[in-house]
């Protein structure tokens, strides 16, 4: 199969387009012919070695996908060859920058007919992360006030829409170029982080959803009321230490399961969330897509078109 892989960690230039062996299906798994895979912020961080130093190569990045089942393993009776599916790799598994992947059948879902493979790929990991963060971790309630940091990003843009669907008052931060985009998504208040310090404008939030990292994470605790909570996805695998005893610090545990994927589809079908702006690249140009992703000023989602 064709794949984009790396033989060492480093900059975008370490990504190589070439041939790798096809995956072998195991019991409980299906092999999927991948049509589209989205690019997530975690991808370039893994490539660059920000999480851990790797020892096994070649290594294929990529965590979510949309495609068609081409092989069915022993014990799988809920999918058949030819089924269109989408999903997210199991925790600890990557490999969607390729024409094929073997994954557990229990954690993927049928792709809706009204979505293309490119569109379905944008709903997978970003939608799952926003859903787990806002509904399961923060447990956002109607009437609460939430600050969502970095609103134009893939996860944050879904979180804005989900929070509005729940009935919360939504504040978000972004650059000036994205203000109209986020207003259209439903944000009630929008702060240009290049012109304003959010800590001087925002106060008494019930919750913060932090997707930016760096000093933004620690500064976010200042705008939360006593008894509030801050959920962070850009500060490593563990929740950052809260500088306030009266504010809870949370790290969403983004598991993989079919019910959450089906919940994303339900929200989409209900009009509660919509597709982001999408920019596509061929699989052979993954390095160019990484340069955009690593710039961290992307609006919407980057997707690799594989078939």
C-alpha atoms as a PDB file:
ATOM      1  CA  UNK A   1       0.000   0.000   0.000  1.00  0.00           C
ATOM      2  CA  UNK A   2       1.012   3.638  -0.432  1.00  0.00           C
ATOM      3  CA  UNK A   3       1.648   5.542   2.769  1.00  0.00           C
ATOM      4  CA  UNK A   4       3.336   8.633   4.141  1.00  0.00           C
ATOM      5  CA  UNK A   5       5.668   7.574   6.932  1.00  0.00           C
ATOM      6  CA  UNK A   6       8.750   8.631   8.834  1.00  0.00           C
ATOM      7  CA  UNK A   7      12.030   6.872   9.557  1.00  0.00           C
ATOM      8  CA  UNK A   8      12.975   9.350  12.291  1.00  0.00           C
ATOM      9  CA  UNK A   9      11.428  12.182  14.235  1.00  0.00           C
ATOM     10  CA  UNK A  10      11.991  15.778  13.231  1.00  0.00           C
ATOM     11  CA  UNK A  11      10.536  18.486  10.994  1.00  0.00           C
ATOM     12  CA  UNK A  12       8.026  18.019   8.161  1.00  0.00           C
ATOM     13  CA  UNK A  13      10.883  16.971   5.894  1.00  0.00           C
ATOM     14  CA  UNK A  14      11.090  13.564   7.634  1.00  0.00           C
ATOM     15  CA  UNK A  15       7.745  12.557   6.100  1.00  0.00           C
ATOM     16  CA  UNK A  16       8.286  10.190   3.160  1.00  0.00           C
ATOM     17  CA  UNK A  17       5.753   8.996   0.600  1.00  0.00           C
ATOM     18  CA  UNK A  18       6.282   5.396  -0.473  1.00  0.00           C
ATOM     19  CA  UNK A  19       5.239   1.774  -0.123  1.00  0.00           C
ATOM     20  CA  UNK A  20       4.633  -0.228   3.050  1.00  0.00           C
ATOM     21  CA  UNK A  21       3.186  -3.722   3.615  1.00  0.00           C
ATOM     22  CA  UNK A  22      -0.583  -4.070   3.766  1.00  0.00           C
ATOM     23  CA  UNK A  23      -2.025  -4.609   7.271  1.00  0.00           C
ATOM     24  CA  UNK A  24      -3.147  -8.091   8.338  1.00  0.00           C
ATOM     25  CA  UNK A  25      -6.625  -8.422   9.842  1.00  0.00           C
ATOM     26  CA  UNK A  26      -6.883  -9.964  13.325  1.00  0.00           C
ATOM     27  CA  UNK A  27      -9.913 -11.385  15.145  1.00  0.00           C
ATOM     28  CA  UNK A  28     -12.313  -8.605  16.068  1.00  0.00           C
ATOM     29  CA  UNK A  29     -10.834  -6.259  13.477  1.00  0.00           C
ATOM     30  CA  UNK A  30     -11.629  -4.980  10.017  1.00  0.00           C
ATOM     31  CA  UNK A  31      -9.273  -3.693   7.351  1.00  0.00           C
ATOM     32  CA  UNK A  32     -10.397  -0.367   5.933  1.00  0.00           C
ATOM     33  CA  UNK A  33      -9.479   1.061   2.563  1.00  0.00           C
ATOM     34  CA  UNK A  34      -8.967   4.655   3.683  1.00  0.00           C
ATOM     35  CA  UNK A  35     -10.419   7.371   1.461  1.00  0.00           C
ATOM     36  CA  UNK A  36      -9.683  10.359   3.703  1.00  0.00           C
ATOM     37  CA  UNK A  37      -7.769  11.047   6.910  1.00  0.00           C
ATOM     38  CA  UNK A  38      -7.806  14.278   8.849  1.00  0.00           C
ATOM     39  CA  UNK A  39      -4.691  15.978  10.193  1.00  0.00           C
ATOM     40  CA  UNK A  40      -4.742  16.808  13.888  1.00  0.00           C
ATOM     41  CA  UNK A  41      -2.451  18.934  16.035  1.00  0.00           C
ATOM     42  CA  UNK A  42      -1.190  15.817  17.793  1.00  0.00           C
ATOM     43  CA  UNK A  43       0.260  14.545  14.502  1.00  0.00           C
ATOM     44  CA  UNK A  44       3.002  17.119  14.138  1.00  0.00           C
ATOM     45  CA  UNK A  45       3.746  16.958  17.874  1.00  0.00           C
ATOM     46  CA  UNK A  46       4.348  13.192  17.607  1.00  0.00           C
ATOM     47  CA  UNK A  47       6.441  13.733  14.478  1.00  0.00           C
ATOM     48  CA  UNK A  48       8.547  16.399  16.194  1.00  0.00           C
ATOM     49  CA  UNK A  49       9.084  14.341  19.359  1.00  0.00           C
ATOM     50  CA  UNK A  50       7.128  16.571  21.714  1.00  0.00           C
ATOM     51  CA  UNK A  51       5.429  13.609  23.383  1.00  0.00           C
ATOM     52  CA  UNK A  52       8.045  10.849  23.437  1.00  0.00           C
ATOM     53  CA  UNK A  53      11.090   9.611  21.598  1.00  0.00           C
ATOM     54  CA  UNK A  54      10.274   6.759  19.216  1.00  0.00           C
ATOM     55  CA  UNK A  55      12.289   3.632  18.624  1.00  0.00           C
ATOM     56  CA  UNK A  56      10.228   1.752  16.026  1.00  0.00           C
ATOM     57  CA  UNK A  57      10.246   2.846  12.401  1.00  0.00           C
ATOM     58  CA  UNK A  58       8.883   3.212   9.785  1.00  0.00           C
ATOM     59  CA  UNK A  59       6.052   4.970  11.590  1.00  0.00           C
ATOM     60  CA  UNK A  60       2.750   6.085  10.055  1.00  0.00           C
ATOM     61  CA  UNK A  61       0.957   9.004  11.676  1.00  0.00           C
ATOM     62  CA  UNK A  62      -2.773   9.717  11.692  1.00  0.00           C
ATOM     63  CA  UNK A  63      -5.577   8.994  14.124  1.00  0.00           C
ATOM     64  CA  UNK A  64      -8.900   9.329  12.289  1.00  0.00           C
ATOM     65  CA  UNK A  65     -10.294   8.279   8.950  1.00  0.00           C
ATOM     66  CA  UNK A  66     -13.198   7.539   6.672  1.00  0.00           C
ATOM     67  CA  UNK A  67     -13.183   4.646   4.229  1.00  0.00           C
ATOM     68  CA  UNK A  68     -14.622   1.324   3.128  1.00  0.00           C
ATOM     69  CA  UNK A  69     -14.306  -2.088   4.792  1.00  0.00           C
ATOM     70  CA  UNK A  70     -12.211  -4.403   2.607  1.00  0.00           C
ATOM     71  CA  UNK A  71     -11.587  -7.319   5.010  1.00  0.00           C
ATOM     72  CA  UNK A  72     -13.499  -8.651   8.009  1.00  0.00           C
ATOM     73  CA  UNK A  73     -11.781 -10.526  10.831  1.00  0.00           C
ATOM     74  CA  UNK A  74     -13.046 -13.494  12.780  1.00  0.00           C
ATOM     75  CA  UNK A  75     -15.855 -12.679  15.181  1.00  0.00           C
ATOM     76  CA  UNK A  76     -16.960  -9.484  13.421  1.00  0.00           C
ATOM     77  CA  UNK A  77     -20.626  -9.630  12.477  1.00  0.00           C
ATOM     78  CA  UNK A  78     -21.671  -5.962  12.497  1.00  0.00           C
ATOM     79  CA  UNK A  79     -19.770  -4.936   9.351  1.00  0.00           C
ATOM     80  CA  UNK A  80     -19.441  -6.431   5.887  1.00  0.00           C
ATOM     81  CA  UNK A  81     -17.047  -5.871   3.003  1.00  0.00           C
ATOM     82  CA  UNK A  82     -18.111  -2.727   1.186  1.00  0.00           C
ATOM     83  CA  UNK A  83     -19.518  -0.901   4.212  1.00  0.00           C
ATOM     84  CA  UNK A  84     -18.578   2.777   4.391  1.00  0.00           C
ATOM     85  CA  UNK A  85     -17.297   3.592   7.882  1.00  0.00           C
ATOM     86  CA  UNK A  86     -15.526   6.321   9.828  1.00  0.00           C
ATOM     87  CA  UNK A  87     -13.810   6.528  13.168  1.00  0.00           C
ATOM     88  CA  UNK A  88     -10.753   7.068  15.293  1.00  0.00           C
ATOM     89  CA  UNK A  89      -7.906   4.623  15.901  1.00  0.00           C
ATOM     90  CA  UNK A  90      -7.734   2.944  19.286  1.00  0.00           C
ATOM     91  CA  UNK A  91      -5.802   4.790  21.985  1.00  0.00           C
ATOM     92  CA  UNK A  92      -2.100   4.317  21.294  1.00  0.00           C
ATOM     93  CA  UNK A  93      -2.671   3.337  17.657  1.00  0.00           C
ATOM     94  CA  UNK A  94      -1.903   5.532  14.659  1.00  0.00           C
ATOM     95  CA  UNK A  95      -1.551   4.846  10.961  1.00  0.00           C
ATOM     96  CA  UNK A  96      -4.199   6.621   8.878  1.00  0.00           C
ATOM     97  CA  UNK A  97      -1.731   8.356   6.539  1.00  0.00           C
ATOM     98  CA  UNK A  98      -1.989   5.228   4.402  1.00  0.00           C
ATOM     99  CA  UNK A  99      -4.243   3.451   1.946  1.00  0.00           C
ATOM    100  CA  UNK A 100      -5.205   0.763   4.465  1.00  0.00           C
ATOM    101  CA  UNK A 101      -5.478   0.216   8.203  1.00  0.00           C
ATOM    102  CA  UNK A 102      -6.646  -2.584  10.506  1.00  0.00           C
ATOM    103  CA  UNK A 103      -8.748  -1.411  13.468  1.00  0.00           C
ATOM    104  CA  UNK A 104     -11.067  -2.846  16.089  1.00  0.00           C
ATOM    105  CA  UNK A 105     -14.549  -3.146  14.627  1.00  0.00           C
ATOM    106  CA  UNK A 106     -16.122  -2.222  17.971  1.00  0.00           C
ATOM    107  CA  UNK A 107     -14.853   1.367  17.929  1.00  0.00           C
ATOM    108  CA  UNK A 108     -15.891   2.475  14.435  1.00  0.00           C
ATOM    109  CA  UNK A 109     -19.280   3.493  13.032  1.00  0.00           C
ATOM    110  CA  UNK A 110     -21.172   3.511   9.749  1.00  0.00           C
ATOM    111  CA  UNK A 111     -20.518   6.611   7.681  1.00  0.00           C
ATOM    112  CA  UNK A 112     -23.707   8.581   7.041  1.00  0.00           C
ATOM    113  CA  UNK A 113     -24.762   8.566   3.395  1.00  0.00           C
ATOM    114  CA  UNK A 114     -25.134  12.339   3.411  1.00  0.00           C
ATOM    115  CA  UNK A 115     -21.435  12.873   4.171  1.00  0.00           C
ATOM    116  CA  UNK A 116     -18.501  12.408   1.827  1.00  0.00           C
ATOM    117  CA  UNK A 117     -15.435  10.589   3.125  1.00  0.00           C
ATOM    118  CA  UNK A 118     -13.583  13.906   3.411  1.00  0.00           C
ATOM    119  CA  UNK A 119     -16.424  15.391   5.447  1.00  0.00           C
ATOM    120  CA  UNK A 120     -16.779  12.353   7.696  1.00  0.00           C
ATOM    121  CA  UNK A 121     -13.051  12.431   8.469  1.00  0.00           C
ATOM    122  CA  UNK A 122     -13.398  15.976   9.829  1.00  0.00           C
ATOM    123  CA  UNK A 123     -16.091  14.862  12.268  1.00  0.00           C
ATOM    124  CA  UNK A 124     -14.128  12.023  13.825  1.00  0.00           C
ATOM    125  CA  UNK A 125     -11.385  12.938  16.315  1.00  0.00           C
ATOM    126  CA  UNK A 126     -12.171  16.647  16.584  1.00  0.00           C
ATOM    127  CA  UNK A 127     -15.863  15.960  17.143  1.00  0.00           C
ATOM    128  CA  UNK A 128     -15.099  13.168  19.589  1.00  0.00           C
ATOM    129  CA  UNK A 129     -12.697  15.365  21.568  1.00  0.00           C
ATOM    130  CA  UNK A 130     -15.141  18.272  21.735  1.00  0.00           C
ATOM    131  CA  UNK A 131     -17.982  15.964  22.778  1.00  0.00           C
ATOM    132  CA  UNK A 132     -16.014  14.225  25.534  1.00  0.00           C
ATOM    133  CA  UNK A 133     -14.599  17.529  26.768  1.00  0.00           C
ATOM    134  CA  UNK A 134     -17.781  19.587  26.882  1.00  0.00           C
ATOM    135  CA  UNK A 135     -20.458  16.991  27.677  1.00  0.00           C
ATOM    136  CA  UNK A 136     -18.596  14.302  29.621  1.00  0.00           C
ATOM    137  CA  UNK A 137     -15.736  16.155  31.333  1.00  0.00           C
ATOM    138  CA  UNK A 138     -16.886  19.733  31.907  1.00  0.00           C
ATOM    139  CA  UNK A 139     -20.526  18.577  32.080  1.00  0.00           C
ATOM    140  CA  UNK A 140     -21.610  21.970  30.779  1.00  0.00           C
ATOM    141  CA  UNK A 141     -25.147  22.980  31.778  1.00  0.00           C
ATOM    142  CA  UNK A 142     -27.720  25.344  30.217  1.00  0.00           C
ATOM    143  CA  UNK A 143     -27.189  28.917  31.361  1.00  0.00           C
ATOM    144  CA  UNK A 144     -23.540  28.464  32.326  1.00  0.00           C
ATOM    145  CA  UNK A 145     -20.791  30.706  30.982  1.00  0.00           C
ATOM    146  CA  UNK A 146     -17.817  29.082  29.247  1.00  0.00           C
ATOM    147  CA  UNK A 147     -14.624  30.474  27.743  1.00  0.00           C
ATOM    148  CA  UNK A 148     -13.330  28.392  24.822  1.00  0.00           C
ATOM    149  CA  UNK A 149      -9.717  29.236  24.009  1.00  0.00           C
ATOM    150  CA  UNK A 150      -8.562  29.221  20.380  1.00  0.00           C
ATOM    151  CA  UNK A 151     -12.047  29.114  18.897  1.00  0.00           C
ATOM    152  CA  UNK A 152     -11.120  28.780  15.217  1.00  0.00           C
ATOM    153  CA  UNK A 153      -9.348  25.439  15.677  1.00  0.00           C
ATOM    154  CA  UNK A 154     -10.994  22.177  14.718  1.00  0.00           C
ATOM    155  CA  UNK A 155     -11.867  20.965  18.227  1.00  0.00           C
ATOM    156  CA  UNK A 156     -12.740  24.400  19.591  1.00  0.00           C
ATOM    157  CA  UNK A 157     -15.072  25.258  16.703  1.00  0.00           C
ATOM    158  CA  UNK A 158     -17.094  22.101  17.416  1.00  0.00           C
ATOM    159  CA  UNK A 159     -17.036  22.930  21.116  1.00  0.00           C
ATOM    160  CA  UNK A 160     -18.508  26.378  20.459  1.00  0.00           C
ATOM    161  CA  UNK A 161     -21.415  24.883  18.554  1.00  0.00           C
ATOM    162  CA  UNK A 162     -21.966  22.140  21.118  1.00  0.00           C
ATOM    163  CA  UNK A 163     -21.928  24.634  23.995  1.00  0.00           C
ATOM    164  CA  UNK A 164     -24.493  26.800  22.219  1.00  0.00           C
ATOM    165  CA  UNK A 165     -26.649  23.720  21.563  1.00  0.00           C
ATOM    166  CA  UNK A 166     -26.549  22.968  25.295  1.00  0.00           C
ATOM    167  CA  UNK A 167     -27.669  26.525  26.042  1.00  0.00           C
ATOM    168  CA  UNK A 168     -24.513  28.072  27.474  1.00  0.00           C
ATOM    169  CA  UNK A 169     -23.159  31.609  27.070  1.00  0.00           C
ATOM    170  CA  UNK A 170     -20.027  31.187  24.947  1.00  0.00           C
ATOM    171  CA  UNK A 171     -16.949  33.416  24.966  1.00  0.00           C
ATOM    172  CA  UNK A 172     -14.003  32.591  22.734  1.00  0.00           C
ATOM    173  CA  UNK A 173     -10.572  33.890  21.766  1.00  0.00           C
ATOM    174  CA  UNK A 174      -9.177  34.157  18.247  1.00  0.00           C
ATOM    175  CA  UNK A 175      -7.304  36.420  15.858  1.00  0.00           C
ATOM    176  CA  UNK A 176      -9.120  39.268  14.104  1.00  0.00           C
ATOM    177  CA  UNK A 177      -9.316  37.334  10.833  1.00  0.00           C
ATOM    178  CA  UNK A 178     -11.608  34.733  12.411  1.00  0.00           C
ATOM    179  CA  UNK A 179     -14.049  36.944  14.288  1.00  0.00           C
ATOM    180  CA  UNK A 180     -16.819  36.772  11.680  1.00  0.00           C
ATOM    181  CA  UNK A 181     -16.302  33.009  11.305  1.00  0.00           C
ATOM    182  CA  UNK A 182     -16.788  32.407  15.028  1.00  0.00           C
ATOM    183  CA  UNK A 183     -19.708  34.790  15.273  1.00  0.00           C
ATOM    184  CA  UNK A 184     -21.364  32.735  12.535  1.00  0.00           C
ATOM    185  CA  UNK A 185     -20.738  29.577  14.590  1.00  0.00           C
ATOM    186  CA  UNK A 186     -22.693  31.126  17.449  1.00  0.00           C
ATOM    187  CA  UNK A 187     -20.119  32.603  19.848  1.00  0.00           C
ATOM    188  CA  UNK A 188     -21.686  35.271  22.063  1.00  0.00           C
ATOM    189  CA  UNK A 189     -18.465  37.158  22.814  1.00  0.00           C
ATOM    190  CA  UNK A 190     -15.248  37.080  20.782  1.00  0.00           C
ATOM    191  CA  UNK A 191     -11.887  38.358  22.009  1.00  0.00           C
ATOM    192  CA  UNK A 192      -9.039  39.208  19.627  1.00  0.00           C
ATOM    193  CA  UNK A 193      -6.077  37.803  21.546  1.00  0.00           C
ATOM    194  CA  UNK A 194      -3.647  40.027  19.617  1.00  0.00           C
ATOM    195  CA  UNK A 195      -5.405  43.189  20.775  1.00  0.00           C
ATOM    196  CA  UNK A 196      -6.882  42.262  24.142  1.00  0.00           C
ATOM    197  CA  UNK A 197      -5.895  40.332  27.260  1.00  0.00           C
ATOM    198  CA  UNK A 198      -8.745  37.940  28.009  1.00  0.00           C
ATOM    199  CA  UNK A 199      -7.957  38.043  31.742  1.00  0.00           C
ATOM    200  CA  UNK A 200      -8.830  41.756  31.784  1.00  0.00           C
ATOM    201  CA  UNK A 201     -12.165  41.231  30.034  1.00  0.00           C
ATOM    202  CA  UNK A 202     -13.525  37.881  31.174  1.00  0.00           C
ATOM    203  CA  UNK A 203     -14.504  36.897  34.704  1.00  0.00           C
ATOM    204  CA  UNK A 204     -16.839  34.613  36.643  1.00  0.00           C
ATOM    205  CA  UNK A 205     -16.858  31.813  34.080  1.00  0.00           C
ATOM    206  CA  UNK A 206     -18.304  28.500  35.151  1.00  0.00           C
ATOM    207  CA  UNK A 207     -15.800  26.716  32.919  1.00  0.00           C
ATOM    208  CA  UNK A 208     -12.925  27.110  30.496  1.00  0.00           C
ATOM    209  CA  UNK A 209     -12.143  24.732  27.645  1.00  0.00           C
ATOM    210  CA  UNK A 210      -8.448  25.269  26.891  1.00  0.00           C
ATOM    211  CA  UNK A 211      -7.114  24.151  23.480  1.00  0.00           C
ATOM    212  CA  UNK A 212      -4.084  26.438  23.064  1.00  0.00           C
ATOM    213  CA  UNK A 213      -1.507  25.458  25.691  1.00  0.00           C
ATOM    214  CA  UNK A 214       1.490  27.351  26.997  1.00  0.00           C
ATOM    215  CA  UNK A 215       0.868  30.218  29.380  1.00  0.00           C
ATOM    216  CA  UNK A 216      -2.751  30.455  28.190  1.00  0.00           C
ATOM    217  CA  UNK A 217      -3.516  27.367  30.265  1.00  0.00           C
ATOM    218  CA  UNK A 218      -2.375  28.814  33.593  1.00  0.00           C
ATOM    219  CA  UNK A 219      -3.860  32.242  32.875  1.00  0.00           C
ATOM    220  CA  UNK A 220      -7.232  30.619  32.176  1.00  0.00           C
ATOM    221  CA  UNK A 221      -7.664  29.731  35.849  1.00  0.00           C
ATOM    222  CA  UNK A 222      -7.915  33.440  36.691  1.00  0.00           C
ATOM    223  CA  UNK A 223     -11.241  33.928  34.899  1.00  0.00           C
ATOM    224  CA  UNK A 224     -13.152  31.077  36.569  1.00  0.00           C
ATOM    225  CA  UNK A 225     -15.508  31.568  39.494  1.00  0.00           C
ATOM    226  CA  UNK A 226     -15.019  29.625  42.710  1.00  0.00           C
ATOM    227  CA  UNK A 227     -16.158  26.051  42.195  1.00  0.00           C
ATOM    228  CA  UNK A 228     -15.574  26.231  38.443  1.00  0.00           C
ATOM    229  CA  UNK A 229     -13.526  23.952  36.234  1.00  0.00           C
ATOM    230  CA  UNK A 230     -10.841  24.201  33.554  1.00  0.00           C
ATOM    231  CA  UNK A 231     -10.496  21.373  31.024  1.00  0.00           C
ATOM    232  CA  UNK A 232      -7.246  21.349  29.037  1.00  0.00           C
ATOM    233  CA  UNK A 233      -6.291  19.305  25.955  1.00  0.00           C
ATOM    234  CA  UNK A 234      -3.120  21.174  24.931  1.00  0.00           C
ATOM    235  CA  UNK A 235      -1.053  20.764  28.086  1.00  0.00           C
ATOM    236  CA  UNK A 236       0.038  17.142  27.861  1.00  0.00           C
ATOM    237  CA  UNK A 237      -1.563  13.857  28.869  1.00  0.00           C
ATOM    238  CA  UNK A 238      -2.333  14.921  32.438  1.00  0.00           C
ATOM    239  CA  UNK A 239      -4.378  17.794  33.822  1.00  0.00           C
ATOM    240  CA  UNK A 240      -2.154  20.763  34.689  1.00  0.00           C
ATOM    241  CA  UNK A 241      -1.929  21.593  38.369  1.00  0.00           C
ATOM    242  CA  UNK A 242      -4.560  24.124  39.357  1.00  0.00           C
ATOM    243  CA  UNK A 243      -3.093  27.277  40.923  1.00  0.00           C
ATOM    244  CA  UNK A 244      -6.381  27.702  42.803  1.00  0.00           C
ATOM    245  CA  UNK A 245      -7.751  25.304  45.397  1.00  0.00           C
ATOM    246  CA  UNK A 246     -11.297  26.360  44.498  1.00  0.00           C
ATOM    247  CA  UNK A 247     -11.015  25.585  40.749  1.00  0.00           C
ATOM    248  CA  UNK A 248     -10.857  22.057  39.381  1.00  0.00           C
ATOM    249  CA  UNK A 249      -8.338  21.196  36.666  1.00  0.00           C
ATOM    250  CA  UNK A 250      -9.429  18.440  34.261  1.00  0.00           C
ATOM    251  CA  UNK A 251      -7.882  16.482  31.395  1.00  0.00           C
ATOM    252  CA  UNK A 252     -10.556  15.005  29.108  1.00  0.00           C
ATOM    253  CA  UNK A 253     -10.086  11.256  28.587  1.00  0.00           C
ATOM    254  CA  UNK A 254     -10.971  10.870  24.932  1.00  0.00           C
ATOM    255  CA  UNK A 255     -11.850   7.207  24.634  1.00  0.00           C
ATOM    256  CA  UNK A 256     -12.879   5.419  21.455  1.00  0.00           C
ATOM    257  CA  UNK A 257     -16.311   3.897  21.120  1.00  0.00           C
ATOM    258  CA  UNK A 258     -19.159   3.670  18.654  1.00  0.00           C
ATOM    259  CA  UNK A 259     -21.816   5.417  20.807  1.00  0.00           C
ATOM    260  CA  UNK A 260     -19.829   8.656  20.861  1.00  0.00           C
ATOM    261  CA  UNK A 261     -19.340   8.577  17.087  1.00  0.00           C
ATOM    262  CA  UNK A 262     -23.053   7.988  16.633  1.00  0.00           C
ATOM    263  CA  UNK A 263     -23.728  10.899  18.990  1.00  0.00           C
ATOM    264  CA  UNK A 264     -21.630  13.145  16.731  1.00  0.00           C
ATOM    265  CA  UNK A 265     -23.689  12.060  13.728  1.00  0.00           C
ATOM    266  CA  UNK A 266     -26.886  12.703  15.701  1.00  0.00           C
ATOM    267  CA  UNK A 267     -25.762  16.247  16.514  1.00  0.00           C
ATOM    268  CA  UNK A 268     -24.813  16.849  12.877  1.00  0.00           C
ATOM    269  CA  UNK A 269     -28.135  15.534  11.580  1.00  0.00           C
ATOM    270  CA  UNK A 270     -29.968  17.757  14.071  1.00  0.00           C
ATOM    271  CA  UNK A 271     -28.100  20.825  12.818  1.00  0.00           C
ATOM    272  CA  UNK A 272     -26.420  21.373  16.188  1.00  0.00           C
ATOM    273  CA  UNK A 273     -22.970  21.149  14.630  1.00  0.00           C
ATOM    274  CA  UNK A 274     -21.858  21.702  11.074  1.00  0.00           C
ATOM    275  CA  UNK A 275     -18.805  20.905   9.053  1.00  0.00           C
ATOM    276  CA  UNK A 276     -15.731  23.121   9.430  1.00  0.00           C
ATOM    277  CA  UNK A 277     -13.929  24.838   6.605  1.00  0.00           C
ATOM    278  CA  UNK A 278     -11.921  22.074   4.925  1.00  0.00           C
ATOM    279  CA  UNK A 279      -8.598  22.244   3.091  1.00  0.00           C
ATOM    280  CA  UNK A 280      -7.476  19.061   1.334  1.00  0.00           C
ATOM    281  CA  UNK A 281      -4.069  17.715   0.360  1.00  0.00           C
ATOM    282  CA  UNK A 282      -3.081  14.535  -1.477  1.00  0.00           C
ATOM    283  CA  UNK A 283      -1.402  11.912   0.721  1.00  0.00           C
ATOM    284  CA  UNK A 284       1.912  12.585  -1.022  1.00  0.00           C
ATOM    285  CA  UNK A 285       1.857  16.203   0.232  1.00  0.00           C
ATOM    286  CA  UNK A 286       1.396  15.486   3.931  1.00  0.00           C
ATOM    287  CA  UNK A 287       4.568  17.444   4.732  1.00  0.00           C
ATOM    288  CA  UNK A 288       3.042  20.625   3.276  1.00  0.00           C
ATOM    289  CA  UNK A 289      -0.103  20.074   5.334  1.00  0.00           C
ATOM    290  CA  UNK A 290       2.023  19.642   8.473  1.00  0.00           C
ATOM    291  CA  UNK A 291       3.686  22.995   7.896  1.00  0.00           C
ATOM    292  CA  UNK A 292       0.260  24.630   7.908  1.00  0.00           C
ATOM    293  CA  UNK A 293      -0.888  22.665  10.969  1.00  0.00           C
ATOM    294  CA  UNK A 294       2.274  23.448  12.879  1.00  0.00           C
ATOM    295  CA  UNK A 295       1.786  27.160  12.205  1.00  0.00           C
ATOM    296  CA  UNK A 296      -1.182  26.912  14.611  1.00  0.00           C
ATOM    297  CA  UNK A 297      -3.243  29.605  12.886  1.00  0.00           C
ATOM    298  CA  UNK A 298      -5.398  27.227  10.892  1.00  0.00           C
ATOM    299  CA  UNK A 299      -9.126  27.791  10.544  1.00  0.00           C
ATOM    300  CA  UNK A 300     -11.129  24.605  10.193  1.00  0.00           C
ATOM    301  CA  UNK A 301      -9.603  21.257   9.242  1.00  0.00           C
ATOM    302  CA  UNK A 302      -6.877  19.828   7.008  1.00  0.00           C
ATOM    303  CA  UNK A 303      -7.695  16.509   5.342  1.00  0.00           C
ATOM    304  CA  UNK A 304      -5.581  14.095   3.314  1.00  0.00           C
ATOM    305  CA  UNK A 305      -7.424  12.706   0.291  1.00  0.00           C
ATOM    306  CA  UNK A 306      -6.086   9.188  -0.083  1.00  0.00           C
ATOM    307  CA  UNK A 307      -8.389   7.643  -2.692  1.00  0.00           C
END
